[in-house]
Amino acid sequence: MDSDEKIEIIGTIFRCDRPAAEKLARLLAPQKVAAKEILARQGEESHHCWLVIEGGMRIEAFGLEGQRQQLAQYGPGEFFGAYPQPSTHRAEIACLMDTTLLRAEATRVAELVAEDPQVGAGMARLLARQLDRALDRMMARTTYSAAGRVYAELLSLAGTADRIAPPPKVTMLALSANTTRETASRAIAALIRRGIITRDDRELVIHSPRMLMELVC
């Protein structure tokens, strides 16, 4: 992305004017991460924070016996990493698909947040939105059926575009929905049979978001 595009993206995410976005842009450097690449490992020192511009990241913790548990997932417009001070990564951060990030040193971002009212207000809104999404995901895990969690994850990944490109892997959907690969595969197959979605090598398209939403239970 060029400089103007980066400033425009930052201004949109933080809902700030161009001078404030330019200050943030000077701290944030573009970073490309390939699908399945590990960005950070559990237990490593954490000095940076990231904004997701395109793609998605998965946060997973490992138990004492090596069992893997997904804690969170971040998509476009979401913020993660160390903040406001350096810390230790509590979990592994892995890339769901080819992803574009903006990376900065945590302490420098925190200093700008404290210094610039627009950036500070933008960060507060950003983190409040993410907390709301996190609560939605927790609610889904505790109240929805396994298939319902898969359907909710599809709606989340698609956003307002009603399509996901490239299409999500069934294994990834299963992990995100805290269910088995077989359950996720059956759930997707049922949607295809009913014509609610179509899927090929390039994308997954949701033809009836309303019908899909009605199945989230």
Protein backbone atom coordinates (compact mmCIF):
# COMPACT_ATOMS: atom_id res chain seq x y z
CA MET A 1 0.00 0.00 0.00
CA ASP A 2 1.22 3.54 -0.68
CA SER A 3 1.45 6.31 1.91
CA ASP A 4 -1.88 7.97 1.06
CA GLU A 5 -3.71 4.65 1.17
CA LYS A 6 -2.20 3.84 4.56
CA ILE A 7 -3.23 7.23 5.98
CA GLU A 8 -6.77 6.82 4.61
CA ILE A 9 -7.10 3.33 6.14
CA ILE A 10 -5.85 4.52 9.54
CA GLY A 11 -8.20 7.52 9.45
CA THR A 12 -11.15 5.22 8.72
CA ILE A 13 -10.31 2.74 11.49
CA PHE A 14 -9.65 5.41 14.13
CA ARG A 15 -12.26 7.88 12.80
CA CYS A 16 -9.73 10.70 13.04
CA ASP A 17 -8.74 13.57 10.74
CA ARG A 18 -5.78 13.43 8.38
CA PRO A 19 -3.20 15.13 10.67
CA ALA A 20 -3.92 12.60 13.44
CA ALA A 21 -3.86 9.71 10.94
CA GLU A 22 -0.51 10.95 9.60
CA LYS A 23 0.97 10.83 13.11
CA LEU A 24 -0.13 7.22 13.49
CA ALA A 25 1.05 6.36 10.00
CA ARG A 26 4.58 7.38 10.92
CA LEU A 27 4.56 4.70 13.63
CA LEU A 28 2.83 1.91 11.71
CA ALA A 29 4.76 -0.12 9.14
CA PRO A 30 3.08 -2.49 6.66
CA GLN A 31 3.76 -6.19 7.18
CA LYS A 32 2.66 -9.11 4.97
CA VAL A 33 2.10 -12.51 6.59
CA ALA A 34 1.48 -15.70 4.60
CA ALA A 35 -1.29 -18.19 5.37
CA LYS A 36 -0.38 -20.54 8.26
CA GLU A 37 2.70 -18.49 9.16
CA ILE A 38 3.37 -18.09 12.88
CA LEU A 39 3.66 -14.42 13.80
CA ALA A 40 4.56 -14.99 17.46
CA ARG A 41 4.87 -17.97 19.79
CA GLN A 42 3.47 -18.47 23.27
CA GLY A 43 5.95 -17.33 25.91
CA GLU A 44 7.98 -15.01 23.64
CA GLU A 45 8.57 -11.38 24.56
CA SER A 46 6.04 -9.02 23.01
CA HIS A 47 7.08 -5.49 22.08
CA HIS A 48 4.76 -4.79 19.12
CA CYS A 49 1.10 -4.29 18.38
CA TRP A 50 -0.69 -4.81 15.07
CA LEU A 51 -3.73 -3.63 13.11
CA VAL A 52 -5.29 -6.11 10.68
CA ILE A 53 -5.92 -4.51 7.28
CA GLU A 54 -6.78 -7.59 5.20
CA GLY A 55 -7.03 -11.27 6.11
CA GLY A 56 -7.22 -12.74 9.60
CA MET A 57 -5.20 -13.94 12.58
CA ARG A 58 -5.90 -16.72 15.07
CA ILE A 59 -4.79 -16.69 18.73
CA GLU A 60 -4.28 -20.16 20.24
CA ALA A 61 -2.98 -21.34 23.61
CA PHE A 62 -1.39 -24.69 24.41
CA GLY A 63 -2.20 -26.54 27.63
CA LEU A 64 0.18 -28.54 29.81
CA GLU A 65 -0.54 -31.68 27.78
CA GLY A 66 -0.15 -29.92 24.43
CA GLN A 67 -3.86 -29.51 23.71
CA ARG A 68 -4.66 -26.56 21.44
CA GLN A 69 -7.41 -24.07 22.31
CA GLN A 70 -8.42 -21.05 20.25
CA LEU A 71 -8.78 -17.94 22.39
CA ALA A 72 -9.57 -15.28 19.81
CA GLN A 73 -9.60 -14.39 16.15
CA TYR A 74 -8.87 -10.99 14.62
CA GLY A 75 -10.03 -9.65 11.26
CA PRO A 76 -9.86 -6.37 9.29
CA GLY A 77 -9.93 -3.26 11.47
CA GLU A 78 -9.00 -5.11 14.68
CA PHE A 79 -6.05 -4.48 17.00
CA PHE A 80 -3.91 -7.01 18.89
CA GLY A 81 -0.51 -7.50 20.51
CA ALA A 82 1.30 -5.77 23.36
CA TYR A 83 -0.35 -2.57 24.63
CA PRO A 84 0.35 -0.20 26.30
CA GLN A 85 3.60 -1.76 27.54
CA PRO A 86 5.75 -4.66 26.29
CA SER A 87 4.64 -8.00 27.71
CA THR A 88 4.88 -11.74 27.05
CA HIS A 89 2.76 -13.43 24.39
CA ARG A 90 0.16 -15.44 26.28
CA ALA A 91 -0.63 -17.51 23.21
CA GLU A 92 0.55 -18.35 19.70
CA ILE A 93 -0.47 -15.91 16.96
CA ALA A 94 -0.96 -17.63 13.60
CA CYS A 95 -2.16 -16.41 10.23
CA LEU A 96 -5.48 -17.79 8.93
CA MET A 97 -4.88 -16.65 5.34
CA ASP A 98 -2.57 -14.25 3.48
CA THR A 99 -2.82 -11.16 5.67
CA THR A 100 -1.77 -7.50 5.58
CA LEU A 101 -0.95 -5.89 8.91
CA LEU A 102 0.29 -2.56 10.21
CA ARG A 103 2.88 -3.00 12.98
CA ALA A 104 4.21 -0.57 15.59
CA GLU A 105 6.09 -0.53 18.87
CA ALA A 106 3.55 -0.72 21.69
CA THR A 107 5.08 2.04 23.81
CA ARG A 108 5.21 4.53 20.91
CA VAL A 109 1.52 3.94 20.11
CA ALA A 110 0.62 4.34 23.79
CA GLU A 111 2.51 7.65 23.92
CA LEU A 112 0.60 8.98 20.90
CA VAL A 113 -2.73 7.79 22.33
CA ALA A 114 -1.99 9.77 25.52
CA GLU A 115 -0.85 12.83 23.59
CA ASP A 116 -3.43 13.14 20.76
CA PRO A 117 -7.15 13.37 21.75
CA GLN A 118 -8.40 12.08 18.39
CA VAL A 119 -6.09 9.08 18.41
CA GLY A 120 -7.00 8.40 22.04
CA ALA A 121 -10.74 8.54 21.30
CA GLY A 122 -10.22 6.34 18.24
CA MET A 123 -8.34 3.72 20.24
CA ALA A 124 -11.08 3.72 22.91
CA ARG A 125 -13.76 3.09 20.25
CA LEU A 126 -11.65 0.42 18.59
CA LEU A 127 -11.09 -1.53 21.80
CA ALA A 128 -14.74 -1.12 22.85
CA ARG A 129 -15.90 -2.62 19.53
CA GLN A 130 -13.51 -5.51 19.94
CA LEU A 131 -14.73 -6.19 23.48
CA ASP A 132 -18.30 -6.31 22.16
CA ARG A 133 -17.28 -8.78 19.44
CA ALA A 134 -15.40 -10.91 21.96
CA LEU A 135 -18.51 -11.09 24.16
CA ASP A 136 -20.58 -12.12 21.11
CA ARG A 137 -18.12 -14.95 20.39
CA MET A 138 -18.20 -16.09 24.03
CA MET A 139 -22.00 -16.09 23.94
CA ALA A 140 -21.96 -18.14 20.74
CA ARG A 141 -19.68 -20.75 22.31
CA THR A 142 -21.89 -21.18 25.35
CA THR A 143 -25.39 -20.98 23.81
CA TYR A 144 -25.22 -22.07 20.14
CA SER A 145 -25.12 -25.62 18.79
CA ALA A 146 -21.92 -26.81 17.09
CA ALA A 147 -23.41 -26.20 13.63
CA GLY A 148 -24.78 -22.84 14.77
CA ARG A 149 -21.27 -21.78 15.80
CA VAL A 150 -19.95 -22.72 12.35
CA TYR A 151 -22.69 -20.64 10.70
CA ALA A 152 -21.99 -17.69 13.02
CA GLU A 153 -18.30 -17.90 12.12
CA LEU A 154 -19.12 -17.79 8.39
CA LEU A 155 -21.24 -14.67 8.89
CA SER A 156 -18.45 -13.06 10.92
CA LEU A 157 -15.78 -13.82 8.30
CA ALA A 158 -17.96 -12.57 5.44
CA GLY A 159 -18.99 -9.33 7.13
CA THR A 160 -21.09 -7.10 4.89
CA ALA A 161 -19.53 -8.49 1.71
CA ASP A 162 -21.42 -11.83 1.87
CA ARG A 163 -18.34 -13.55 0.48
CA ILE A 164 -15.05 -14.89 1.83
CA ALA A 165 -12.01 -14.98 -0.46
CA PRO A 166 -10.13 -17.23 -0.36
CA PRO A 167 -12.68 -19.67 1.09
CA PRO A 168 -12.00 -20.72 4.70
CA LYS A 169 -10.58 -24.17 5.34
CA VAL A 170 -12.95 -26.56 7.12
CA THR A 171 -10.30 -27.24 9.75
CA MET A 172 -10.00 -23.51 10.46
CA LEU A 173 -13.79 -23.15 10.77
CA ALA A 174 -13.89 -26.09 13.16
CA LEU A 175 -11.20 -24.57 15.38
CA SER A 176 -12.89 -21.16 15.32
CA ALA A 177 -16.25 -22.69 16.21
CA ASN A 178 -14.75 -24.97 18.88
CA THR A 179 -16.04 -28.13 17.23
CA THR A 180 -14.75 -31.10 15.23
CA ARG A 181 -13.75 -31.04 11.57
CA GLU A 182 -16.45 -33.61 10.77
CA THR A 183 -19.18 -31.46 12.32
CA ALA A 184 -18.00 -28.36 10.46
CA SER A 185 -17.82 -30.32 7.18
CA ARG A 186 -21.40 -31.59 7.59
CA ALA A 187 -22.63 -28.08 8.43
CA ILE A 188 -21.04 -26.62 5.28
CA ALA A 189 -22.34 -29.48 3.12
CA ALA A 190 -25.89 -28.83 4.39
CA LEU A 191 -25.65 -25.16 3.39
CA ILE A 192 -24.42 -26.06 -0.10
CA ARG A 193 -27.24 -28.60 -0.61
CA ARG A 194 -29.82 -25.95 0.29
CA GLY A 195 -28.23 -23.34 -2.00
CA ILE A 196 -27.54 -20.98 0.89
CA ILE A 197 -23.87 -20.85 -0.04
CA THR A 198 -21.64 -21.86 -2.94
CA ARG A 199 -17.94 -22.56 -2.66
CA ASP A 200 -15.09 -22.99 -5.14
CA ASP A 201 -11.31 -22.66 -5.05
CA ARG A 202 -11.49 -18.86 -5.15
CA GLU A 203 -14.27 -17.89 -2.75
CA LEU A 204 -17.24 -18.83 -0.62
CA VAL A 205 -20.40 -16.84 -1.44
CA ILE A 206 -23.37 -16.47 0.92
CA HIS A 207 -26.45 -16.20 -1.32
CA SER A 208 -28.97 -15.91 1.51
CA PRO A 209 -27.53 -14.21 4.61
CA ARG A 210 -31.02 -14.13 6.16
CA MET A 211 -31.47 -17.91 5.91
CA LEU A 212 -27.96 -18.47 7.25
CA MET A 213 -28.64 -16.14 10.17
CA GLU A 214 -31.82 -18.08 11.00
CA LEU A 215 -29.73 -21.26 11.34
CA VAL A 216 -27.49 -19.70 13.99
CA CYS A 217 -28.99 -21.29 17.08
